[in-house]
């Protein structure tokens, strides 16, 4: 596994724990479909949340959340629709969230939830 994927996996674990501490129930990790992927699928207050996790080791290339493109959001929606159909709840309320994480070597993770 390459270093980028390892960093992403580590960020997803941190994000899942962060969300669980806020009362979210994690339903899926790395849900993939043809043409799309959702890092985490969670539920809170009867709403399904599709979560994109962006992890960086520094701000050298900008804030992690700034890397989310319109195309990525479209792919998340596609994967989310497939998930809802597979669960036989196609009309269930849902939303898209972003968890941005900065992992510095000498500091605890900085986490922003949008």
Foldseek 3Di string as FASTA:
>chain_A
DDPVVVQVVVQLVVVQVVVVVVVKAWDDAFQDDVQATFGTWIDDPQEIEGEDEFEEQDCPVHFRVVPDDPSRVVRSVVSVQVVCVVVVNNPGHYYYKYWTWHHYPPDDIDIDID
